[in-house]
Amino acid sequence: MDIQLRFAVKEDCQRLLELIVELAIYEKMPDEVTVTLAEFVEAGFGVQPAWKAFVAENENGILGFALYYIRYSTWKGCRLYLEDFIVTEQARGRGVGKLLFERVMKEARDNNYNGMSWQVLDWNEPAINFYRKYEAGLEEGWLNAYLGKEQL
């Protein structure tokens, strides 16, 4: 499989949003994707971009992507936060995820960030096993907290 990696461009956003929905379905939360295409495009390519992404593609189009942003930890300093990492179901098991993940790791190294972090659902054994190959730490005891638009 001839895979090319590149930074996402504005024209990729429709496909990325389709993959985000695919990921939400896989994670058993399809109704949680409420961002519109316009909001997604603005957040990535507007006046103050909030995210960047790498896409993996072949002659058939985009097979997966890794979307990230930079966060600041008062304990660790600047870290790359991997928000979404997905390879479409048809392309899994072919090394696409490895290429994407290692490209994101390189981005963190090249920018001298103090690490990289992300979340994984505790029942997602394929993902957990993938991350274990990289000797990733998996924290227990932390709960995700948030306020939605309604609470704000």
C-alpha atoms as a PDB file:
ATOM      1  CA  MET A   1       0.000   0.000   0.000  1.00  0.00           C
ATOM      2  CA  ASP A   2       1.596   3.273  -1.143  1.00  0.00           C
ATOM      3  CA  ILE A   3       0.778   5.763   1.630  1.00  0.00           C
ATOM      4  CA  GLN A   4       1.645   9.443   1.576  1.00  0.00           C
ATOM      5  CA  LEU A   5       1.630  11.613   4.701  1.00  0.00           C
ATOM      6  CA  ARG A   6       1.090  15.354   4.581  1.00  0.00           C
ATOM      7  CA  PHE A   7      -0.352  18.206   6.598  1.00  0.00           C
ATOM      8  CA  ALA A   8      -4.107  18.564   6.267  1.00  0.00           C
ATOM      9  CA  VAL A   9      -5.408  21.421   4.128  1.00  0.00           C
ATOM     10  CA  LYS A  10      -8.741  23.193   4.244  1.00  0.00           C
ATOM     11  CA  GLU A  11     -10.107  21.082   1.403  1.00  0.00           C
ATOM     12  CA  ASP A  12      -9.651  17.942   3.526  1.00  0.00           C
ATOM     13  CA  CYS A  13     -12.063  19.056   6.227  1.00  0.00           C
ATOM     14  CA  GLN A  14     -15.178  17.367   4.826  1.00  0.00           C
ATOM     15  CA  ARG A  15     -13.392  14.001   4.711  1.00  0.00           C
ATOM     16  CA  LEU A  16     -11.859  14.516   8.156  1.00  0.00           C
ATOM     17  CA  LEU A  17     -15.287  15.231   9.599  1.00  0.00           C
ATOM     18  CA  GLU A  18     -16.593  12.023   7.996  1.00  0.00           C
ATOM     19  CA  LEU A  19     -13.806  10.110   9.736  1.00  0.00           C
ATOM     20  CA  ILE A  20     -14.564  11.883  13.015  1.00  0.00           C
ATOM     21  CA  VAL A  21     -18.126  10.593  12.763  1.00  0.00           C
ATOM     22  CA  GLU A  22     -16.762   7.114  11.962  1.00  0.00           C
ATOM     23  CA  LEU A  23     -14.621   7.309  15.116  1.00  0.00           C
ATOM     24  CA  ALA A  24     -17.585   8.475  17.210  1.00  0.00           C
ATOM     25  CA  ILE A  25     -19.632   5.525  15.962  1.00  0.00           C
ATOM     26  CA  TYR A  26     -16.775   3.146  16.816  1.00  0.00           C
ATOM     27  CA  GLU A  27     -16.558   4.720  20.279  1.00  0.00           C
ATOM     28  CA  LYS A  28     -20.323   4.234  20.696  1.00  0.00           C
ATOM     29  CA  MET A  29     -20.992   7.985  20.874  1.00  0.00           C
ATOM     30  CA  PRO A  30     -22.328   8.983  17.431  1.00  0.00           C
ATOM     31  CA  ASP A  31     -24.561  11.758  18.794  1.00  0.00           C
ATOM     32  CA  GLU A  32     -21.645  13.530  20.489  1.00  0.00           C
ATOM     33  CA  VAL A  33     -20.274  14.996  17.233  1.00  0.00           C
ATOM     34  CA  THR A  34     -22.006  18.372  17.114  1.00  0.00           C
ATOM     35  CA  VAL A  35     -19.355  20.515  15.431  1.00  0.00           C
ATOM     36  CA  THR A  36     -20.401  21.839  12.043  1.00  0.00           C
ATOM     37  CA  LEU A  37     -18.195  21.733   8.979  1.00  0.00           C
ATOM     38  CA  ALA A  38     -17.946  25.535   9.075  1.00  0.00           C
ATOM     39  CA  GLU A  39     -16.849  25.495  12.741  1.00  0.00           C
ATOM     40  CA  PHE A  40     -14.336  22.744  12.031  1.00  0.00           C
ATOM     41  CA  VAL A  41     -12.848  24.604   9.061  1.00  0.00           C
ATOM     42  CA  GLU A  42     -12.658  27.870  11.014  1.00  0.00           C
ATOM     43  CA  ALA A  43     -10.952  26.152  13.963  1.00  0.00           C
ATOM     44  CA  GLY A  44      -8.289  24.666  11.722  1.00  0.00           C
ATOM     45  CA  PHE A  45      -7.810  27.301   9.045  1.00  0.00           C
ATOM     46  CA  GLY A  46      -9.291  30.536  10.372  1.00  0.00           C
ATOM     47  CA  VAL A  47      -7.585  33.580  11.829  1.00  0.00           C
ATOM     48  CA  GLN A  48      -6.419  31.709  14.942  1.00  0.00           C
ATOM     49  CA  PRO A  49      -5.993  28.033  14.027  1.00  0.00           C
ATOM     50  CA  ALA A  50      -6.586  25.777  17.021  1.00  0.00           C
ATOM     51  CA  TRP A  51      -5.458  22.497  15.469  1.00  0.00           C
ATOM     52  CA  LYS A  52      -3.213  20.894  12.880  1.00  0.00           C
ATOM     53  CA  ALA A  53      -3.428  17.435  11.409  1.00  0.00           C
ATOM     54  CA  PHE A  54      -1.505  14.939   9.377  1.00  0.00           C
ATOM     55  CA  VAL A  55      -3.415  12.910   6.817  1.00  0.00           C
ATOM     56  CA  ALA A  56      -2.509   9.541   5.361  1.00  0.00           C
ATOM     57  CA  GLU A  57      -3.676   9.000   1.821  1.00  0.00           C
ATOM     58  CA  ASN A  58      -3.234   6.821  -1.197  1.00  0.00           C
ATOM     59  CA  GLU A  59      -4.657   6.942  -4.702  1.00  0.00           C
ATOM     60  CA  ASN A  60      -8.126   6.251  -3.238  1.00  0.00           C
ATOM     61  CA  GLY A  61      -8.089   9.266  -0.916  1.00  0.00           C
ATOM     62  CA  ILE A  62      -7.635   9.938   2.803  1.00  0.00           C
ATOM     63  CA  LEU A  63      -7.396   6.739   4.859  1.00  0.00           C
ATOM     64  CA  GLY A  64      -6.761   8.290   8.241  1.00  0.00           C
ATOM     65  CA  PHE A  65      -5.567  11.319  10.131  1.00  0.00           C
ATOM     66  CA  ALA A  66      -4.009  12.490  13.367  1.00  0.00           C
ATOM     67  CA  LEU A  67      -5.310  15.834  14.661  1.00  0.00           C
ATOM     68  CA  TYR A  68      -3.362  17.599  17.396  1.00  0.00           C
ATOM     69  CA  TYR A  69      -2.794  20.856  19.191  1.00  0.00           C
ATOM     70  CA  ILE A  70      -0.280  22.186  21.675  1.00  0.00           C
ATOM     71  CA  ARG A  71      -1.237  22.363  25.327  1.00  0.00           C
ATOM     72  CA  TYR A  72       0.612  23.665  28.308  1.00  0.00           C
ATOM     73  CA  SER A  73       1.026  21.625  31.467  1.00  0.00           C
ATOM     74  CA  THR A  74       2.145  23.439  34.578  1.00  0.00           C
ATOM     75  CA  TRP A  75       3.797  20.166  35.597  1.00  0.00           C
ATOM     76  CA  LYS A  76       5.450  19.269  32.288  1.00  0.00           C
ATOM     77  CA  GLY A  77       5.561  22.354  30.029  1.00  0.00           C
ATOM     78  CA  CYS A  78       4.556  22.360  26.357  1.00  0.00           C
ATOM     79  CA  ARG A  79       3.155  19.058  25.174  1.00  0.00           C
ATOM     80  CA  LEU A  80       1.543  17.890  21.981  1.00  0.00           C
ATOM     81  CA  TYR A  81      -2.022  16.708  22.581  1.00  0.00           C
ATOM     82  CA  LEU A  82      -3.293  14.127  20.111  1.00  0.00           C
ATOM     83  CA  GLU A  83      -7.015  14.864  19.968  1.00  0.00           C
ATOM     84  CA  ASP A  84      -8.116  12.434  17.277  1.00  0.00           C
ATOM     85  CA  PHE A  85      -6.260   9.563  15.683  1.00  0.00           C
ATOM     86  CA  ILE A  86      -8.193   7.380  13.274  1.00  0.00           C
ATOM     87  CA  VAL A  87      -7.581   5.027  10.409  1.00  0.00           C
ATOM     88  CA  THR A  88     -10.674   4.052   8.492  1.00  0.00           C
ATOM     89  CA  GLU A  89     -11.787   0.490   9.147  1.00  0.00           C
ATOM     90  CA  GLN A  90     -10.873  -0.753   5.661  1.00  0.00           C
ATOM     91  CA  ALA A  91      -7.253   0.402   6.054  1.00  0.00           C
ATOM     92  CA  ARG A  92      -6.571  -0.857   9.596  1.00  0.00           C
ATOM     93  CA  GLY A  93      -3.827  -3.412  10.060  1.00  0.00           C
ATOM     94  CA  ARG A  94      -1.805  -2.149   7.096  1.00  0.00           C
ATOM     95  CA  GLY A  95       0.663   0.126   8.876  1.00  0.00           C
ATOM     96  CA  VAL A  96      -1.216   3.388   8.255  1.00  0.00           C
ATOM     97  CA  GLY A  97      -1.675   4.053  11.973  1.00  0.00           C
ATOM     98  CA  LYS A  98       1.998   3.382  12.661  1.00  0.00           C
ATOM     99  CA  LEU A  99       3.022   5.889   9.989  1.00  0.00           C
ATOM    100  CA  LEU A 100       0.670   8.551  11.346  1.00  0.00           C
ATOM    101  CA  PHE A 101       1.526   8.003  15.004  1.00  0.00           C
ATOM    102  CA  GLU A 102       5.256   8.080  14.356  1.00  0.00           C
ATOM    103  CA  ARG A 103       4.853  11.264  12.282  1.00  0.00           C
ATOM    104  CA  VAL A 104       3.109  12.926  15.225  1.00  0.00           C
ATOM    105  CA  MET A 105       5.895  11.723  17.538  1.00  0.00           C
ATOM    106  CA  LYS A 106       8.426  13.269  15.152  1.00  0.00           C
ATOM    107  CA  GLU A 107       6.491  16.542  15.220  1.00  0.00           C
ATOM    108  CA  ALA A 108       6.742  16.577  19.023  1.00  0.00           C
ATOM    109  CA  ARG A 109      10.471  15.827  18.887  1.00  0.00           C
ATOM    110  CA  ASP A 110      11.160  18.373  16.127  1.00  0.00           C
ATOM    111  CA  ASN A 111       9.445  21.103  18.151  1.00  0.00           C
ATOM    112  CA  ASN A 112      11.174  20.087  21.368  1.00  0.00           C
ATOM    113  CA  TYR A 113       7.923  19.506  23.245  1.00  0.00           C
ATOM    114  CA  ASN A 114       8.190  17.831  26.631  1.00  0.00           C
ATOM    115  CA  GLY A 115       5.947  14.973  25.617  1.00  0.00           C
ATOM    116  CA  MET A 116       2.776  13.899  23.940  1.00  0.00           C
ATOM    117  CA  SER A 117      -0.538  12.900  25.472  1.00  0.00           C
ATOM    118  CA  TRP A 118      -3.938  11.610  24.401  1.00  0.00           C
ATOM    119  CA  GLN A 119      -6.912   9.662  25.685  1.00  0.00           C
ATOM    120  CA  VAL A 120      -7.983   6.117  24.983  1.00  0.00           C
ATOM    121  CA  LEU A 121     -11.150   4.418  26.136  1.00  0.00           C
ATOM    122  CA  ASP A 122     -10.480   1.667  28.672  1.00  0.00           C
ATOM    123  CA  TRP A 123     -12.399  -0.898  26.598  1.00  0.00           C
ATOM    124  CA  ASN A 124     -10.565  -0.136  23.341  1.00  0.00           C
ATOM    125  CA  GLU A 125      -8.126  -3.055  23.516  1.00  0.00           C
ATOM    126  CA  PRO A 126      -6.849  -2.714  19.910  1.00  0.00           C
ATOM    127  CA  ALA A 127      -5.827   0.899  20.583  1.00  0.00           C
ATOM    128  CA  ILE A 128      -4.379   0.108  24.008  1.00  0.00           C
ATOM    129  CA  ASN A 129      -2.304  -2.706  22.521  1.00  0.00           C
ATOM    130  CA  PHE A 130      -1.117  -0.369  19.758  1.00  0.00           C
ATOM    131  CA  TYR A 131       0.028   2.237  22.303  1.00  0.00           C
ATOM    132  CA  ARG A 132       1.718  -0.393  24.459  1.00  0.00           C
ATOM    133  CA  LYS A 133       4.032  -1.163  21.526  1.00  0.00           C
ATOM    134  CA  TYR A 134       5.407   2.343  22.071  1.00  0.00           C
ATOM    135  CA  GLU A 135       5.689   1.806  25.831  1.00  0.00           C
ATOM    136  CA  ALA A 136       3.073   4.508  26.401  1.00  0.00           C
ATOM    137  CA  GLY A 137       2.034   5.210  29.957  1.00  0.00           C
ATOM    138  CA  LEU A 138      -1.648   4.643  30.717  1.00  0.00           C
ATOM    139  CA  GLU A 139      -2.932   6.613  33.709  1.00  0.00           C
ATOM    140  CA  GLU A 140      -5.620   5.390  36.036  1.00  0.00           C
ATOM    141  CA  GLY A 141      -7.568   7.434  38.510  1.00  0.00           C
ATOM    142  CA  TRP A 142      -8.235  10.528  36.410  1.00  0.00           C
ATOM    143  CA  LEU A 143     -11.751  11.405  35.374  1.00  0.00           C
ATOM    144  CA  ASN A 144     -12.536  13.646  32.433  1.00  0.00           C
ATOM    145  CA  ALA A 145     -14.453  16.752  33.429  1.00  0.00           C
ATOM    146  CA  TYR A 146     -16.097  19.247  31.108  1.00  0.00           C
ATOM    147  CA  LEU A 147     -18.682  21.969  30.704  1.00  0.00           C
ATOM    148  CA  GLY A 148     -20.836  21.937  27.606  1.00  0.00           C
ATOM    149  CA  LYS A 149     -22.213  24.931  25.760  1.00  0.00           C
ATOM    150  CA  GLU A 150     -25.364  24.723  27.879  1.00  0.00           C
ATOM    151  CA  GLN A 151     -23.406  25.079  31.136  1.00  0.00           C
ATOM    152  CA  LEU A 152     -21.318  27.963  29.845  1.00  0.00           C
END
